[in-house]
C-alpha cells in the first residue's frame, strides 16, 4: 500500500509547509476520513486543470507534522512538510509522449 492521497486546499501553502487540516482527520481521495499522525508519509493533492481544461492536479508529498504555533493561531492542527520534489502538477510525473 502506497502513501495515502489527501485532498487539501493549496491556498494553505507557505513555502515548504502545507496546511492539511483544522481537525485530526483529512479527506482521502475516495472521501474517507484519514486520521493524521506525526511522521505519516502522504501525498496531498488539489484538483487543478491545465491550459486546455484537462484535469491536472497539484500534488506535493512529504511528512505530516503538528502545525507550528504560527499556523495554530488560525486553527490549523496538521501540516505537510513538503519533500525536495516540491509542489508540481501530476502531469510532471508522466513520461513525455
N, C-alpha and C. Protein backbone atom coordinates (compact mmCIF):
# COMPACT_ATOMS: atom_id res chain seq x y z
N UNK A 1 0.84 -1.17 0.00
CA UNK A 1 0.00 0.00 0.00
C UNK A 1 0.88 1.23 0.00
N UNK A 2 0.59 2.16 -0.91
CA UNK A 2 1.39 3.38 -1.01
C UNK A 2 0.95 4.43 -0.02
N UNK A 3 1.57 5.57 -0.11
CA UNK A 3 1.23 6.69 0.77
C UNK A 3 -0.20 7.14 0.49
N UNK A 4 -0.97 7.44 1.54
CA UNK A 4 -2.33 7.93 1.31
C UNK A 4 -2.32 9.24 0.52
N UNK A 5 -3.34 9.40 -0.33
CA UNK A 5 -3.55 10.67 -1.05
C UNK A 5 -4.62 11.45 -0.31
N UNK A 6 -4.27 12.67 0.10
CA UNK A 6 -5.16 13.50 0.88
C UNK A 6 -5.57 14.74 0.09
N UNK A 7 -6.85 15.00 0.09
CA UNK A 7 -7.35 16.19 -0.61
C UNK A 7 -7.21 17.39 0.32
N UNK A 8 -6.57 18.44 -0.17
CA UNK A 8 -6.38 19.64 0.63
C UNK A 8 -6.38 20.87 -0.26
N UNK A 9 -6.45 22.01 0.34
CA UNK A 9 -6.50 23.28 -0.37
C UNK A 9 -5.09 23.88 -0.41
N UNK A 10 -4.53 23.99 -1.59
CA UNK A 10 -3.17 24.51 -1.72
C UNK A 10 -3.09 26.01 -1.49
N UNK A 11 -4.22 26.66 -1.19
CA UNK A 11 -4.16 28.06 -0.76
C UNK A 11 -3.54 28.15 0.63
N UNK A 12 -3.42 27.01 1.32
CA UNK A 12 -2.76 26.95 2.62
C UNK A 12 -1.29 26.61 2.51
N UNK A 13 -0.66 26.97 1.40
CA UNK A 13 0.75 26.68 1.15
C UNK A 13 1.61 27.86 1.61
N UNK A 14 2.59 27.58 2.46
CA UNK A 14 3.51 28.59 2.97
C UNK A 14 4.93 28.06 2.79
N UNK A 15 5.52 28.33 1.64
CA UNK A 15 6.86 27.81 1.35
C UNK A 15 6.82 26.30 1.21
N UNK A 16 7.52 25.61 2.10
CA UNK A 16 7.53 24.14 2.05
C UNK A 16 6.61 23.53 3.11
N UNK A 17 5.66 24.33 3.60
CA UNK A 17 4.67 23.88 4.59
C UNK A 17 3.28 24.05 3.99
N UNK A 18 2.50 22.98 4.03
CA UNK A 18 1.13 23.00 3.51
C UNK A 18 0.18 22.63 4.64
N UNK A 19 -0.76 23.51 4.95
CA UNK A 19 -1.76 23.21 5.96
C UNK A 19 -2.65 22.08 5.43
N UNK A 20 -2.76 21.00 6.21
CA UNK A 20 -3.57 19.85 5.80
C UNK A 20 -4.96 19.88 6.38
N UNK A 21 -5.07 20.25 7.67
CA UNK A 21 -6.37 20.12 8.31
C UNK A 21 -6.47 20.95 9.58
N UNK A 22 -7.70 21.38 9.87
CA UNK A 22 -8.01 22.05 11.12
C UNK A 22 -8.65 21.04 12.08
N UNK A 23 -8.64 19.78 11.70
CA UNK A 23 -9.18 18.68 12.51
C UNK A 23 -8.10 17.60 12.61
N UNK A 24 -8.44 16.49 13.24
CA UNK A 24 -7.49 15.39 13.37
C UNK A 24 -7.57 14.40 12.22
N UNK A 25 -8.43 14.68 11.24
CA UNK A 25 -8.53 13.86 10.04
C UNK A 25 -8.47 14.77 8.82
N UNK A 26 -8.25 14.15 7.69
CA UNK A 26 -8.21 14.85 6.42
C UNK A 26 -8.91 13.96 5.40
N UNK A 27 -9.66 14.55 4.46
CA UNK A 27 -10.34 13.69 3.48
C UNK A 27 -9.34 13.01 2.54
N UNK A 28 -9.55 11.72 2.34
CA UNK A 28 -8.76 10.97 1.38
C UNK A 28 -9.36 11.12 -0.01
N UNK A 29 -8.69 10.58 -1.00
CA UNK A 29 -9.15 10.76 -2.38
C UNK A 29 -10.47 10.05 -2.67
N UNK A 30 -10.86 9.10 -1.84
CA UNK A 30 -12.13 8.40 -2.04
C UNK A 30 -13.21 8.87 -1.07
N UNK A 31 -12.96 10.00 -0.40
CA UNK A 31 -13.93 10.56 0.52
C UNK A 31 -13.85 10.06 1.94
N UNK A 32 -12.98 9.10 2.20
CA UNK A 32 -12.81 8.56 3.55
C UNK A 32 -12.10 9.59 4.43
N UNK A 33 -12.26 9.47 5.74
CA UNK A 33 -11.56 10.33 6.70
C UNK A 33 -10.28 9.62 7.12
N UNK A 34 -9.14 10.23 6.83
CA UNK A 34 -7.84 9.66 7.17
C UNK A 34 -7.34 10.32 8.45
N UNK A 35 -7.13 9.51 9.49
CA UNK A 35 -6.59 10.02 10.75
C UNK A 35 -5.13 10.41 10.55
N UNK A 36 -4.78 11.62 10.97
CA UNK A 36 -3.42 12.12 10.80
C UNK A 36 -2.62 11.87 12.06
N UNK A 37 -1.32 11.59 11.86
CA UNK A 37 -0.41 11.39 12.98
C UNK A 37 0.99 11.82 12.55
N UNK A 38 1.80 12.24 13.50
CA UNK A 38 3.15 12.69 13.16
C UNK A 38 3.94 11.59 12.46
N UNK A 39 4.69 11.98 11.45
CA UNK A 39 5.57 11.05 10.76
C UNK A 39 4.94 10.32 9.59
N UNK A 40 3.63 10.47 9.38
CA UNK A 40 2.98 9.82 8.23
C UNK A 40 3.57 10.36 6.93
N UNK A 41 3.80 9.49 5.99
CA UNK A 41 4.21 9.89 4.64
C UNK A 41 2.94 9.92 3.80
N UNK A 42 2.64 11.08 3.20
CA UNK A 42 1.41 11.23 2.41
C UNK A 42 1.69 12.04 1.16
N UNK A 43 0.75 11.97 0.24
CA UNK A 43 0.73 12.85 -0.93
C UNK A 43 -0.54 13.68 -0.84
N UNK A 44 -0.39 14.99 -0.83
CA UNK A 44 -1.53 15.90 -0.82
C UNK A 44 -1.82 16.29 -2.27
N UNK A 45 -3.11 16.49 -2.55
CA UNK A 45 -3.46 16.94 -3.89
C UNK A 45 -4.60 17.94 -3.83
N UNK A 46 -4.68 18.76 -4.87
CA UNK A 46 -5.76 19.72 -5.04
C UNK A 46 -6.13 19.70 -6.51
N UNK A 47 -7.41 19.57 -6.81
CA UNK A 47 -7.83 19.50 -8.20
C UNK A 47 -7.44 20.78 -8.94
N UNK A 48 -6.92 20.60 -10.13
CA UNK A 48 -6.49 21.71 -10.98
C UNK A 48 -6.68 21.27 -12.43
N UNK A 49 -6.57 22.20 -13.35
CA UNK A 49 -6.66 21.89 -14.78
C UNK A 49 -5.51 22.55 -15.51
N UNK A 50 -5.16 21.98 -16.67
CA UNK A 50 -4.10 22.58 -17.49
C UNK A 50 -4.70 23.66 -18.39
N UNK A 51 -3.88 24.20 -19.27
CA UNK A 51 -4.31 25.28 -20.16
C UNK A 51 -5.42 24.87 -21.12
N UNK A 52 -5.54 23.58 -21.38
CA UNK A 52 -6.58 23.08 -22.29
C UNK A 52 -7.82 22.60 -21.52
N UNK A 53 -7.84 22.79 -20.22
CA UNK A 53 -9.00 22.41 -19.41
C UNK A 53 -9.03 20.96 -18.97
N UNK A 54 -7.93 20.23 -19.20
CA UNK A 54 -7.86 18.83 -18.74
C UNK A 54 -7.40 18.80 -17.29
N UNK A 55 -7.96 17.86 -16.54
CA UNK A 55 -7.58 17.74 -15.13
C UNK A 55 -6.09 17.46 -15.01
N UNK A 56 -5.44 18.22 -14.15
CA UNK A 56 -4.00 18.08 -13.90
C UNK A 56 -3.73 18.58 -12.48
N UNK A 57 -3.99 17.70 -11.50
CA UNK A 57 -3.95 18.08 -10.09
C UNK A 57 -2.58 18.58 -9.66
N UNK A 58 -2.60 19.51 -8.70
CA UNK A 58 -1.40 19.90 -7.98
C UNK A 58 -1.13 18.81 -6.95
N UNK A 59 0.12 18.45 -6.77
CA UNK A 59 0.48 17.42 -5.79
C UNK A 59 1.74 17.83 -5.04
N UNK A 60 1.84 17.33 -3.82
CA UNK A 60 3.05 17.50 -3.01
C UNK A 60 3.12 16.32 -2.04
N UNK A 61 4.29 15.79 -1.85
CA UNK A 61 4.49 14.67 -0.93
C UNK A 61 5.40 15.10 0.20
N UNK A 62 5.29 14.38 1.30
CA UNK A 62 6.15 14.68 2.43
C UNK A 62 5.67 14.02 3.70
N UNK A 63 5.99 14.66 4.83
CA UNK A 63 5.75 14.10 6.16
C UNK A 63 4.75 14.98 6.91
N UNK A 64 3.78 14.32 7.56
CA UNK A 64 2.78 15.01 8.38
C UNK A 64 3.39 15.36 9.73
N UNK A 65 3.16 16.58 10.17
CA UNK A 65 3.62 17.04 11.49
C UNK A 65 2.54 17.93 12.10
N UNK A 66 2.53 18.07 13.44
CA UNK A 66 1.62 19.03 14.05
C UNK A 66 1.94 20.44 13.52
N UNK A 67 0.92 21.26 13.41
CA UNK A 67 1.13 22.62 12.90
C UNK A 67 2.04 23.42 13.82
N UNK A 68 2.90 24.25 13.23
CA UNK A 68 3.71 25.15 14.05
C UNK A 68 2.80 26.20 14.70
N UNK A 69 3.27 26.82 15.76
CA UNK A 69 2.46 27.77 16.52
C UNK A 69 1.94 28.91 15.64
N UNK A 70 2.71 29.35 14.66
CA UNK A 70 2.27 30.46 13.82
C UNK A 70 1.10 30.08 12.92
N UNK A 71 0.81 28.78 12.73
CA UNK A 71 -0.38 28.36 12.00
C UNK A 71 -1.49 27.90 12.93
N UNK A 72 -1.14 27.49 14.14
CA UNK A 72 -2.16 27.06 15.09
C UNK A 72 -3.11 28.20 15.43
N UNK A 73 -2.62 29.41 15.40
CA UNK A 73 -3.48 30.56 15.74
C UNK A 73 -4.58 30.76 14.71
N UNK A 74 -4.47 30.16 13.53
CA UNK A 74 -5.53 30.23 12.52
C UNK A 74 -6.38 28.97 12.53
N UNK A 75 -6.13 28.07 13.47
CA UNK A 75 -6.92 26.85 13.60
C UNK A 75 -6.29 25.60 13.02
N UNK A 76 -5.15 25.73 12.36
CA UNK A 76 -4.50 24.58 11.74
C UNK A 76 -3.98 23.61 12.80
N UNK A 77 -4.26 22.32 12.59
CA UNK A 77 -3.75 21.29 13.51
C UNK A 77 -2.61 20.47 12.91
N UNK A 78 -2.67 20.24 11.58
CA UNK A 78 -1.69 19.37 10.92
C UNK A 78 -1.19 20.01 9.64
N UNK A 79 0.10 19.82 9.38
CA UNK A 79 0.72 20.32 8.16
C UNK A 79 1.50 19.21 7.47
N UNK A 80 1.79 19.44 6.21
CA UNK A 80 2.68 18.59 5.44
C UNK A 80 3.99 19.33 5.26
N UNK A 81 5.08 18.73 5.70
CA UNK A 81 6.41 19.26 5.40
C UNK A 81 6.80 18.67 4.05
N UNK A 82 6.78 19.51 3.04
CA UNK A 82 6.93 19.06 1.65
C UNK A 82 8.37 18.62 1.38
N UNK A 83 8.50 17.49 0.70
CA UNK A 83 9.83 16.95 0.40
C UNK A 83 10.54 17.74 -0.70
N UNK A 84 11.72 17.29 -1.07
CA UNK A 84 12.58 18.01 -2.03
C UNK A 84 11.98 18.10 -3.43
N UNK A 85 10.94 17.35 -3.72
CA UNK A 85 10.29 17.44 -5.05
C UNK A 85 9.41 18.67 -5.16
N UNK A 86 9.00 19.24 -4.04
CA UNK A 86 8.19 20.46 -4.05
C UNK A 86 6.77 20.21 -4.55
N UNK A 87 6.11 21.30 -4.91
CA UNK A 87 4.76 21.24 -5.46
C UNK A 87 4.88 21.17 -6.97
N UNK A 88 4.10 20.26 -7.56
CA UNK A 88 4.14 20.10 -9.02
C UNK A 88 2.78 19.66 -9.51
N UNK A 89 2.61 19.69 -10.80
CA UNK A 89 1.39 19.14 -11.39
C UNK A 89 1.58 17.66 -11.61
N UNK A 90 0.50 16.93 -11.54
CA UNK A 90 0.56 15.48 -11.73
C UNK A 90 1.13 15.12 -13.10
N UNK A 91 0.88 15.95 -14.10
CA UNK A 91 1.40 15.68 -15.44
C UNK A 91 2.92 15.71 -15.48
N UNK A 92 3.55 16.37 -14.50
CA UNK A 92 5.02 16.40 -14.45
C UNK A 92 5.61 15.03 -14.16
N UNK A 93 4.78 14.11 -13.66
CA UNK A 93 5.25 12.76 -13.33
C UNK A 93 5.12 11.79 -14.50
N UNK A 94 4.39 12.19 -15.52
CA UNK A 94 4.19 11.33 -16.68
C UNK A 94 5.36 11.46 -17.66
N UNK A 95 5.73 10.34 -18.28
CA UNK A 95 6.79 10.45 -19.29
C UNK A 95 6.29 11.25 -20.50
N UNK A 96 7.17 11.97 -21.17
CA UNK A 96 6.76 12.73 -22.37
C UNK A 96 6.21 11.79 -23.44
N UNK A 97 5.19 12.26 -24.15
CA UNK A 97 4.62 11.40 -25.21
C UNK A 97 5.26 11.66 -26.55
